[in-house]
Structure formats: C-alpha cells, structure tokens
C-alpha atoms as a PDB file:
ATOM      1  CA  MET A   1      81.093 143.757 121.555  1.00  0.00           C
ATOM      2  CA  SER A   2      84.940 143.613 120.860  1.00  0.00           C
ATOM      3  CA  PRO A   3      86.223 144.339 117.244  1.00  0.00           C
ATOM      4  CA  LYS A   4      87.225 141.534 115.214  1.00  0.00           C
ATOM      5  CA  GLY A   5      90.345 140.368 113.582  1.00  0.00           C
ATOM      6  CA  ASN A   6      91.213 137.326 111.131  1.00  0.00           C
ATOM      7  CA  LEU A   7      93.172 134.196 111.932  1.00  0.00           C
ATOM      8  CA  ASN A   8      94.685 132.436 108.815  1.00  0.00           C
ATOM      9  CA  ILE A   9      95.725 128.862 108.657  1.00  0.00           C
ATOM     10  CA  ALA A  10      97.519 127.060 105.755  1.00  0.00           C
ATOM     11  CA  VAL A  11      97.839 123.383 105.311  1.00  0.00           C
ATOM     12  CA  ARG A  12     100.133 121.662 102.854  1.00  0.00           C
ATOM     13  CA  TRP A  13      98.991 118.040 102.262  1.00  0.00           C
ATOM     14  CA  PRO A  14     101.893 115.484 102.139  1.00  0.00           C
ATOM     15  CA  ALA A  15     102.383 113.899  98.647  1.00  0.00           C
ATOM     16  CA  ARG A  16     101.143 110.299  98.867  1.00  0.00           C
ATOM     17  CA  GLY A  17     103.545 109.072  96.055  1.00  0.00           C
ATOM     18  CA  ALA A  18     106.901 110.630  97.105  1.00  0.00           C
ATOM     19  CA  PHE A  19     109.503 110.690  99.864  1.00  0.00           C
ATOM     20  CA  ARG A  20     108.859 113.967 101.529  1.00  0.00           C
ATOM     21  CA  THR A  21     109.466 115.053 105.279  1.00  0.00           C
ATOM     22  CA  GLN A  22     106.013 115.531 106.468  1.00  0.00           C
ATOM     23  CA  LEU A  23     104.334 115.143 109.824  1.00  0.00           C
ATOM     24  CA  ILE A  24     100.770 114.769 108.536  1.00  0.00           C
ATOM     25  CA  PRO A  25     100.491 110.916 107.752  1.00  0.00           C
ATOM     26  CA  THR A  26      99.646 110.270 104.142  1.00  0.00           C
ATOM     27  CA  SER A  27      96.709 108.422 105.278  1.00  0.00           C
ATOM     28  CA  ALA A  28      95.044 111.446 106.732  1.00  0.00           C
ATOM     29  CA  ASN A  29      91.957 112.772 104.832  1.00  0.00           C
ATOM     30  CA  LEU A  30      90.624 115.247 107.394  1.00  0.00           C
ATOM     31  CA  LEU A  31      91.970 118.049 109.452  1.00  0.00           C
ATOM     32  CA  ARG A  32      89.771 119.447 112.343  1.00  0.00           C
ATOM     33  CA  ILE A  33      90.679 122.805 113.509  1.00  0.00           C
ATOM     34  CA  GLN A  34      89.362 124.529 116.640  1.00  0.00           C
ATOM     35  CA  VAL A  35      89.984 127.718 118.262  1.00  0.00           C
ATOM     36  CA  ARG A  36      89.604 128.263 121.928  1.00  0.00           C
ATOM     37  CA  ASP A  37      89.616 131.431 124.135  1.00  0.00           C
ATOM     38  CA  ALA A  38      91.905 132.058 127.158  1.00  0.00           C
ATOM     39  CA  SER A  39      89.519 129.861 129.345  1.00  0.00           C
ATOM     40  CA  GLY A  40      89.716 127.037 126.989  1.00  0.00           C
ATOM     41  CA  ASP A  41      85.952 127.391 125.743  1.00  0.00           C
ATOM     42  CA  PRO A  42      85.584 126.747 122.059  1.00  0.00           C
ATOM     43  CA  LEU A  43      85.416 129.761 119.859  1.00  0.00           C
ATOM     44  CA  ALA A  44      85.140 128.352 116.245  1.00  0.00           C
ATOM     45  CA  THR A  45      85.507 124.839 114.583  1.00  0.00           C
ATOM     46  CA  THR A  46      86.072 124.086 111.060  1.00  0.00           C
ATOM     47  CA  GLU A  47      87.261 120.853 109.059  1.00  0.00           C
ATOM     48  CA  ILE A  48      89.452 120.759 106.004  1.00  0.00           C
ATOM     49  CA  VAL A  49      89.064 117.889 103.670  1.00  0.00           C
ATOM     50  CA  ARG A  50      91.851 116.484 101.789  1.00  0.00           C
ATOM     51  CA  SER A  51      91.680 117.312  97.824  1.00  0.00           C
ATOM     52  CA  GLY A  52      92.782 115.007  95.045  1.00  0.00           C
ATOM     53  CA  ASP A  53      95.784 117.490  94.162  1.00  0.00           C
ATOM     54  CA  GLU A  54      98.804 116.199  96.138  1.00  0.00           C
ATOM     55  CA  SER A  55     100.460 119.567  95.918  1.00  0.00           C
ATOM     56  CA  ALA A  56      97.260 121.477  97.233  1.00  0.00           C
ATOM     57  CA  ILE A  57      97.574 123.856 100.064  1.00  0.00           C
ATOM     58  CA  ALA A  58      94.385 124.144 101.865  1.00  0.00           C
ATOM     59  CA  THR A  59      93.563 127.182 104.045  1.00  0.00           C
ATOM     60  CA  ALA A  60      91.149 128.068 106.785  1.00  0.00           C
ATOM     61  CA  SER A  61      90.237 131.632 107.871  1.00  0.00           C
ATOM     62  CA  PHE A  62      88.380 132.566 111.019  1.00  0.00           C
ATOM     63  CA  SER A  63      86.933 135.909 111.788  1.00  0.00           C
ATOM     64  CA  LEU A  64      87.272 136.134 115.715  1.00  0.00           C
ATOM     65  CA  PRO A  65      86.617 138.611 118.489  1.00  0.00           C
ATOM     66  CA  SER A  66      90.039 140.288 119.324  1.00  0.00           C
ATOM     67  CA  GLY A  67      91.976 139.326 122.290  1.00  0.00           C
ATOM     68  CA  THR A  68      95.062 137.343 123.652  1.00  0.00           C
ATOM     69  CA  GLY A  69      95.565 133.916 124.887  1.00  0.00           C
ATOM     70  CA  ARG A  70      93.710 132.129 121.886  1.00  0.00           C
ATOM     71  CA  SER A  71      94.836 128.606 121.195  1.00  0.00           C
ATOM     72  CA  ILE A  72      94.417 126.374 118.161  1.00  0.00           C
ATOM     73  CA  LEU A  73      94.115 122.580 118.186  1.00  0.00           C
ATOM     74  CA  ILE A  74      94.549 120.737 114.969  1.00  0.00           C
ATOM     75  CA  GLN A  75      93.743 116.880 114.739  1.00  0.00           C
ATOM     76  CA  ALA A  76      94.172 114.798 111.485  1.00  0.00           C
ATOM     77  CA  PHE A  77      91.920 111.901 110.966  1.00  0.00           C
ATOM     78  CA  ARG A  78      91.969 109.067 108.395  1.00  0.00           C
ATOM     79  CA  ASP A  79      88.201 108.966 107.839  1.00  0.00           C
ATOM     80  CA  LEU A  80      86.170 111.895 106.543  1.00  0.00           C
ATOM     81  CA  VAL A  81      83.598 111.234 109.126  1.00  0.00           C
ATOM     82  CA  PRO A  82      85.505 110.058 112.229  1.00  0.00           C
ATOM     83  CA  ALA A  83      83.482 107.825 114.575  1.00  0.00           C
ATOM     84  CA  PRO A  84      83.357 109.159 118.020  1.00  0.00           C
ATOM     85  CA  GLY A  85      86.020 108.221 120.294  1.00  0.00           C
ATOM     86  CA  VAL A  86      88.464 107.447 117.433  1.00  0.00           C
ATOM     87  CA  PRO A  87      91.798 108.944 118.080  1.00  0.00           C
ATOM     88  CA  PRO A  88      93.617 111.166 115.549  1.00  0.00           C
ATOM     89  CA  VAL A  89      96.493 110.028 113.479  1.00  0.00           C
ATOM     90  CA  ALA A  90      98.278 113.305 114.350  1.00  0.00           C
ATOM     91  CA  GLU A  91      97.733 116.302 116.432  1.00  0.00           C
ATOM     92  CA  GLY A  92      99.317 119.534 117.220  1.00  0.00           C
ATOM     93  CA  SER A  93      98.531 122.860 118.881  1.00  0.00           C
ATOM     94  CA  SER A  94      99.656 126.565 119.295  1.00  0.00           C
ATOM     95  CA  THR A  95      99.023 128.575 122.459  1.00  0.00           C
ATOM     96  CA  SER A  96      99.132 132.216 123.322  1.00  0.00           C
ATOM     97  CA  VAL A  97      97.893 133.346 119.970  1.00  0.00           C
ATOM     98  CA  SER A  98      96.841 136.988 119.736  1.00  0.00           C
ATOM     99  CA  VAL A  99      93.984 138.264 117.462  1.00  0.00           C
ATOM    100  CA  TRP A 100      94.047 142.105 116.863  1.00  0.00           C
ATOM    101  CA  PRO A 101      91.394 144.194 115.348  1.00  0.00           C
ATOM    102  CA  SER A 102      91.268 144.646 111.652  1.00  0.00           C
ATOM    103  CA  THR A 103      94.554 142.426 111.434  1.00  0.00           C
ATOM    104  CA  SER A 104      95.320 139.033 109.956  1.00  0.00           C
ATOM    105  CA  THR A 105      97.249 136.644 111.987  1.00  0.00           C
ATOM    106  CA  ALA A 106      99.021 133.639 110.580  1.00  0.00           C
ATOM    107  CA  VAL A 107      99.773 130.605 112.700  1.00  0.00           C
ATOM    108  CA  HIS A 108     102.244 127.845 112.499  1.00  0.00           C
ATOM    109  CA  VAL A 109     101.258 124.549 113.968  1.00  0.00           C
ATOM    110  CA  VAL A 110     103.403 121.409 113.975  1.00  0.00           C
ATOM    111  CA  LEU A 111     101.381 118.040 114.059  1.00  0.00           C
ATOM    112  CA  ILE A 112     102.986 115.225 115.868  1.00  0.00           C
ATOM    113  CA  PRO A 113     101.973 111.988 114.593  1.00  0.00           C
ATOM    114  CA  ALA A 114     100.517 109.549 117.115  1.00  0.00           C
ATOM    115  CA  ASP A 115     102.645 106.718 115.736  1.00  0.00           C
ATOM    116  CA  GLY A 116     105.639 106.702 113.579  1.00  0.00           C
ATOM    117  CA  PRO A 117     108.650 104.450 112.611  1.00  0.00           C
ATOM    118  CA  VAL A 118     111.368 104.139 115.034  1.00  0.00           C
ATOM    119  CA  ILE A 119     114.999 102.817 114.391  1.00  0.00           C
ATOM    120  CA  PHE A 120     116.411 101.174 117.488  1.00  0.00           C
ATOM    121  CA  SER A 121     119.571  99.689 115.787  1.00  0.00           C
ATOM    122  CA  MET A 122     120.821  99.471 112.093  1.00  0.00           C
ATOM    123  CA  THR A 123     123.849  98.140 110.383  1.00  0.00           C
ATOM    124  CA  PRO A 124     125.934 101.098 109.836  1.00  0.00           C
ATOM    125  CA  ASN A 125     127.983 100.205 106.773  1.00  0.00           C
ATOM    126  CA  GLY A 126     128.431  97.401 104.344  1.00  0.00           C
ATOM    127  CA  GLY A 127     129.497  96.523 100.581  1.00  0.00           C
ATOM    128  CA  PRO A 128     127.131  95.868  97.729  1.00  0.00           C
ATOM    129  CA  GLY A 129     125.326  92.561  98.103  1.00  0.00           C
ATOM    130  CA  SER A 130     125.732  92.565 102.051  1.00  0.00           C
ATOM    131  CA  LEU A 131     122.699  92.295 104.080  1.00  0.00           C
ATOM    132  CA  LEU A 132     121.446  95.404 105.875  1.00  0.00           C
ATOM    133  CA  ARG A 133     119.368  94.918 109.116  1.00  0.00           C
ATOM    134  CA  VAL A 134     117.188  97.546 110.733  1.00  0.00           C
ATOM    135  CA  VAL A 135     115.656  96.784 114.039  1.00  0.00           C
ATOM    136  CA  GLY A 136     112.837  99.194 115.080  1.00  0.00           C
ATOM    137  CA  GLY A 137     109.194  99.638 115.626  1.00  0.00           C
ATOM    138  CA  ASN A 138     105.870 100.808 113.798  1.00  0.00           C
ATOM    139  CA  PHE A 139     107.103  99.454 110.668  1.00  0.00           C
ATOM    140  CA  GLN A 140     103.574  97.928 109.716  1.00  0.00           C
ATOM    141  CA  ILE A 141     101.212 100.601 110.956  1.00  0.00           C
ATOM    142  CA  GLY A 142     100.978 101.900 107.296  1.00  0.00           C
ATOM    143  CA  THR A 143     102.358 101.953 103.704  1.00  0.00           C
ATOM    144  CA  LEU A 144     106.223 101.164 104.072  1.00  0.00           C
ATOM    145  CA  ASN A 145     108.803 102.736 101.822  1.00  0.00           C
ATOM    146  CA  VAL A 146     112.504 102.324 102.147  1.00  0.00           C
ATOM    147  CA  SER A 147     115.147 104.463 100.415  1.00  0.00           C
ATOM    148  CA  LEU A 148     119.053 104.779 100.703  1.00  0.00           C
ATOM    149  CA  ALA A 149     120.331 108.230  99.467  1.00  0.00           C
ATOM    150  CA  GLY A 150     116.961 108.837  97.584  1.00  0.00           C
ATOM    151  CA  GLN A 151     117.088 105.444  95.845  1.00  0.00           C
ATOM    152  CA  SER A 152     114.084 103.187  96.518  1.00  0.00           C
ATOM    153  CA  LEU A 153     114.718  99.928  97.935  1.00  0.00           C
ATOM    154  CA  ASN A 154     111.235  98.569  98.133  1.00  0.00           C
ATOM    155  CA  ASP A 155     112.173  95.681  95.684  1.00  0.00           C
ATOM    156  CA  PHE A 156     114.801  94.507  98.000  1.00  0.00           C
ATOM    157  CA  VAL A 157     113.152  94.672 101.476  1.00  0.00           C
ATOM    158  CA  THR A 158     111.983  91.769 103.628  1.00  0.00           C
ATOM    159  CA  LEU A 159     109.947  92.616 106.590  1.00  0.00           C
ATOM    160  CA  ARG A 160     109.480  90.162 109.643  1.00  0.00           C
ATOM    161  CA  GLY A 161     107.910  91.911 112.607  1.00  0.00           C
ATOM    162  CA  ASP A 162     110.211  94.649 113.719  1.00  0.00           C
ATOM    163  CA  LEU A 163     113.026  93.540 111.666  1.00  0.00           C
ATOM    164  CA  LEU A 164     113.652  94.936 108.191  1.00  0.00           C
ATOM    165  CA  GLU A 165     116.331  93.432 106.019  1.00  0.00           C
ATOM    166  CA  PHE A 166     117.578  94.099 102.534  1.00  0.00           C
ATOM    167  CA  ALA A 167     120.551  93.112 100.403  1.00  0.00           C
ATOM    168  CA  LEU A 168     122.491  96.261  99.338  1.00  0.00           C
ATOM    169  CA  PRO A 169     122.117  96.797  95.545  1.00  0.00           C
ATOM    170  CA  PRO A 170     125.203  97.286  93.201  1.00  0.00           C
ATOM    171  CA  ASP A 171     124.715 100.714  92.560  1.00  0.00           C
ATOM    172  CA  ALA A 172     124.051 101.838  96.258  1.00  0.00           C
ATOM    173  CA  VAL A 173     125.699 105.055  97.401  1.00  0.00           C
ATOM    174  CA  ASP A 174     126.380 106.661 100.759  1.00  0.00           C
ATOM    175  CA  GLY A 175     123.661 108.595 102.429  1.00  0.00           C
ATOM    176  CA  PRO A 176     120.568 108.292 104.736  1.00  0.00           C
ATOM    177  CA  VAL A 177     118.465 105.239 104.983  1.00  0.00           C
ATOM    178  CA  VAL A 178     114.975 106.487 105.207  1.00  0.00           C
ATOM    179  CA  ILE A 179     112.098 104.368 106.650  1.00  0.00           C
ATOM    180  CA  ASP A 180     108.860 105.998 105.544  1.00  0.00           C
ATOM    181  CA  VAL A 181     105.681 104.688 106.975  1.00  0.00           C
ATOM    182  CA  ASP A 182     102.484 106.418 106.155  1.00  0.00           C
ATOM    183  CA  GLY A 183     104.575 109.644 105.257  1.00  0.00           C
ATOM    184  CA  VAL A 184     106.274 109.767 108.656  1.00  0.00           C
ATOM    185  CA  GLN A 185     109.988 109.086 108.482  1.00  0.00           C
ATOM    186  CA  ALA A 186     112.893 107.654 110.487  1.00  0.00           C
ATOM    187  CA  THR A 187     116.474 108.019 109.278  1.00  0.00           C
ATOM    188  CA  ARG A 188     119.985 106.857 109.913  1.00  0.00           C
ATOM    189  CA  SER A 189     123.095 107.398 108.058  1.00  0.00           C
ATOM    190  CA  PHE A 190     124.838 104.675 105.988  1.00  0.00           C
ATOM    191  CA  GLN A 191     128.273 104.171 104.414  1.00  0.00           C
ATOM    192  CA  VAL A 192     128.789 101.890 101.524  1.00  0.00           C
ATOM    193  CA  ILE A 193     132.135  99.827 101.581  1.00  0.00           C
ATOM    194  CA  ARG A 194     133.754  99.883  98.057  1.00  0.00           C
ATOM    195  CA  THR A 195     137.123  98.618  99.082  1.00  0.00           C
ATOM    196  CA  ILE A 196     138.889  96.287 101.532  1.00  0.00           C
ATOM    197  CA  SER A 197     142.558  96.153 102.111  1.00  0.00           C
ATOM    198  CA  LEU A 198     144.870  94.174 104.358  1.00  0.00           C
ATOM    199  CA  ALA A 199     148.288  95.349 105.680  1.00  0.00           C
ATOM    200  CA  SER A 200     149.912  92.486 103.737  1.00  0.00           C
ATOM    201  CA  ASP A 201     148.604  89.842 101.356  1.00  0.00           C
ATOM    202  CA  VAL A 202     151.303  87.415 101.915  1.00  0.00           C
ATOM    203  CA  ILE A 203     152.765  86.568 105.409  1.00  0.00           C
ATOM    204  CA  THR A 204     155.552  83.802 105.731  1.00  0.00           C
ATOM    205  CA  GLY A 205     157.333  82.273 108.575  1.00  0.00           C
ATOM    206  CA  VAL A 206     154.560  82.342 111.109  1.00  0.00           C
ATOM    207  CA  ALA A 207     155.083  79.870 113.876  1.00  0.00           C
ATOM    208  CA  ILE A 208     152.424  77.223 114.577  1.00  0.00           C
ATOM    209  CA  GLY A 209     150.460  78.383 117.635  1.00  0.00           C
ATOM    210  CA  SER A 210     151.390  82.187 117.319  1.00  0.00           C
ATOM    211  CA  THR A 211     148.833  84.720 116.346  1.00  0.00           C
ATOM    212  CA  VAL A 212     148.839  87.161 113.596  1.00  0.00           C
ATOM    213  CA  ASP A 213     146.664  90.317 113.567  1.00  0.00           C
ATOM    214  CA  LEU A 214     145.482  90.749 110.061  1.00  0.00           C
ATOM    215  CA  GLN A 215     144.307  94.422 110.080  1.00  0.00           C
ATOM    216  CA  ALA A 216     141.720  95.268 107.678  1.00  0.00           C
ATOM    217  CA  GLU A 217     140.814  98.771 106.431  1.00  0.00           C
ATOM    218  CA  ALA A 218     137.493  99.528 104.523  1.00  0.00           C
ATOM    219  CA  ARG A 219     136.942 102.492 102.525  1.00  0.00           C
ATOM    220  CA  THR A 220     134.003 104.424 100.600  1.00  0.00           C
ATOM    221  CA  ALA A 221     134.012 105.158  96.958  1.00  0.00           C
ATOM    222  CA  SER A 222     135.531 108.495  97.825  1.00  0.00           C
ATOM    223  CA  GLY A 223     138.412 106.976  99.706  1.00  0.00           C
ATOM    224  CA  GLN A 224     136.848 107.904 103.197  1.00  0.00           C
ATOM    225  CA  LEU A 225     138.216 105.542 105.855  1.00  0.00           C
ATOM    226  CA  ILE A 226     135.283 103.761 107.642  1.00  0.00           C
ATOM    227  CA  ALA A 227     135.364 103.545 111.246  1.00  0.00           C
ATOM    228  CA  ASP A 228     134.428 100.164 112.792  1.00  0.00           C
ATOM    229  CA  PRO A 229     133.551  98.515 109.510  1.00  0.00           C
ATOM    230  CA  VAL A 230     131.133  95.556 109.501  1.00  0.00           C
ATOM    231  CA  LEU A 231     133.279  92.703 107.889  1.00  0.00           C
ATOM    232  CA  ARG A 232     132.975  88.847 107.722  1.00  0.00           C
ATOM    233  CA  TRP A 233     136.285  86.821 108.131  1.00  0.00           C
ATOM    234  CA  SER A 234     136.877  83.099 107.215  1.00  0.00           C
ATOM    235  CA  VAL A 235     139.754  80.781 106.532  1.00  0.00           C
ATOM    236  CA  ASP A 236     140.003  77.885 103.973  1.00  0.00           C
ATOM    237  CA  ARG A 237     141.488  75.605 106.731  1.00  0.00           C
ATOM    238  CA  PRO A 238     139.319  76.346 109.742  1.00  0.00           C
ATOM    239  CA  ASP A 239     139.299  74.527 113.200  1.00  0.00           C
ATOM    240  CA  PRO A 240     141.017  72.220 114.120  1.00  0.00           C
ATOM    241  CA  GLU A 241     143.845  73.544 111.807  1.00  0.00           C
ATOM    242  CA  SER A 242     143.530  77.044 112.813  1.00  0.00           C
ATOM    243  CA  THR A 243     141.550  79.586 114.706  1.00  0.00           C
ATOM    244  CA  LEU A 244     140.241  83.052 113.321  1.00  0.00           C
ATOM    245  CA  ASP A 245     138.579  85.718 115.356  1.00  0.00           C
ATOM    246  CA  GLN A 246     137.948  89.009 113.749  1.00  0.00           C
ATOM    247  CA  GLY A 247     141.352  89.168 111.955  1.00  0.00           C
ATOM    248  CA  ALA A 248     143.418  87.414 114.825  1.00  0.00           C
ATOM    249  CA  PHE A 249     144.471  84.318 112.993  1.00  0.00           C
ATOM    250  CA  THR A 250     146.402  81.400 114.804  1.00  0.00           C
ATOM    251  CA  PRO A 251     147.777  78.538 112.498  1.00  0.00           C
ATOM    252  CA  LEU A 252     147.748  75.059 114.234  1.00  0.00           C
ATOM    253  CA  ALA A 253     149.123  73.140 111.508  1.00  0.00           C
ATOM    254  CA  THR A 254     151.998  73.538 108.736  1.00  0.00           C
ATOM    255  CA  GLY A 255     151.172  74.724 105.366  1.00  0.00           C
ATOM    256  CA  THR A 256     149.419  77.740 103.621  1.00  0.00           C
ATOM    257  CA  PHE A 257     146.260  79.363 104.772  1.00  0.00           C
ATOM    258  CA  VAL A 258     144.017  81.678 102.851  1.00  0.00           C
ATOM    259  CA  VAL A 259     142.360  84.205 105.125  1.00  0.00           C
ATOM    260  CA  ARG A 260     139.321  86.079 103.471  1.00  0.00           C
ATOM    261  CA  VAL A 261     137.611  89.164 104.700  1.00  0.00           C
ATOM    262  CA  ASP A 262     134.517  90.349 102.963  1.00  0.00           C
ATOM    263  CA  SER A 263     131.482  92.532 102.893  1.00  0.00           C
ATOM    264  CA  GLY A 264     129.120  91.485 100.176  1.00  0.00           C
ATOM    265  CA  THR A 265     130.906  91.425  97.020  1.00  0.00           C
ATOM    266  CA  VAL A 266     133.934  93.402  98.373  1.00  0.00           C
ATOM    267  CA  VAL A 267     136.856  90.998  99.125  1.00  0.00           C
ATOM    268  CA  ALA A 268     140.366  90.975 100.241  1.00  0.00           C
ATOM    269  CA  THR A 269     142.621  87.829 100.913  1.00  0.00           C
ATOM    270  CA  ALA A 270     145.912  87.098 102.622  1.00  0.00           C
ATOM    271  CA  SER A 271     147.944  84.014 102.466  1.00  0.00           C
ATOM    272  CA  VAL A 272     149.820  82.910 105.687  1.00  0.00           C
ATOM    273  CA  LYS A 273     152.432  80.375 105.680  1.00  0.00           C
ATOM    274  CA  THR A 274     153.970  78.271 108.371  1.00  0.00           C
ATOM    275  CA  PRO A 275     157.450  77.057 108.187  1.00  0.00           C
END
C-alpha cells in the first residue's frame, strides 16, 4: 500500500450583494469536487455547501494514495441536491496533480461559467443624459446588475431582449461599464463627454450651395480629446432650406442658420450666414 499525502482545496464564495469579479455564479449553492487517478477512475468525491456568510472560504481536504497524474474536477450547481442530468452552472478542472507522501498539496482551479453575459457592441462615449446602448447576450439568465466606474446604474436601465439601454446620469465619470449577471461579468470602457467645441461659432459669407465642414471636438472632464465622439447634429432650418450630414453643412437659402451639435445635455452651436 502506497503512503498517503494530503490534497487541499479552498473556495471563496462570491458575495451576492456586491460587484466582484468571480467565476462562480452567485446562484451556485453547491460545489461537487472529484479527484481521479491517472486512468480517470474516481479516488474521492466530496461536496461543499454554500454557507450564509458571504465572505466565507470553504475548504476540502483529501487523504489520498501518493502518486502523479491526479486530476480534480469541480462542478458548481444551483440546487443543494441536483437532479440527475442537470448541467452545472460552472465547471473547472486541474490535471497532472502530484500527491506526495506526508505532504500537503494546494490546488488552484478556475471555474468557467456555462453561460455569462457577452457584449457584442456598445456606445463608446456620450454626455450626461445621452442614451447608452449595449447589444449582447445572456443578460436575462440571472440577476442583472449594471455599473459605470463602480456607480450602480440599475435604476436607469431598460432591458429588451439582448438590448440594454440607459440614460447617462449627470454625475457619471469615465470608467468601465460592467454588466454583471449572476456574478459573472462582461466589461467595456466608456468615456463621458463633458465639453463640445466647434472651430468657429460664427461663420459668415457662405455662398448658397457651398458646403462648410463644421468640425467638432469632444473632451472628457480631464480635457482628454475623445476619438470618434458619438454626436448628434441638427439645424434650425432643415431641408429644403439646407442639408446637414455629420457636420457637413450646405445652405440652400439666404439668411442665418443655427447648427447645433450635442451629446445629451452637452451642447455647442454655430451661426452660419449666407450673403
């Protein structure tokens, strides 16, 4: 009979009431841990039940025959008594684990969720009051929490299928947008537009039918220039008196035109006058 060694596994449960990067879904209540030998045959199995303490670290210890080529499989389930055939909500494994006589071995296993939120596209910047759109998937498979730079946006969010929308609050700051579903997260960076400026706010002597390029710059609160800002353009005298295409303005009548560019509550205007 080969001498035995100890295999130790520690699990920190994710906090259900906080935004933390965890790969164990917060809905998980049971971890099933199995140790196998080099041929894949089970050596030992145990289960860890989630405690009521969100900061708890659960541990499991196995006394096993010494040897190499051990593997560990950990599966997370929502139910304390999973029905036969119910797939785990997360799973992870570690291979080529060695157990040595009279020695304790610690194993690190990363659990991969079966499903988690995915962001396909997102509005990259905007001013306070502007609408931010996130297109993705798996937003409705568990409890949804949305934050920007650590600030909860749950009160502002509207979810329709795989489209998530919210108006940017007045006190928003630059940072990551975090989509948290059942404790699993997807993130994208976001910049808040605080100022918009035009090269000139009064342009005179523009011939009817000629085009003026009204170049706009958008900056963050720290003054950082935003590349490709998401802006909305409008003019007080639209077609048939003028045309406007993303800052390219063409007057088709005489007089003064007021061109406006905005992102939410952040606005800049220019007066364009024809002879």
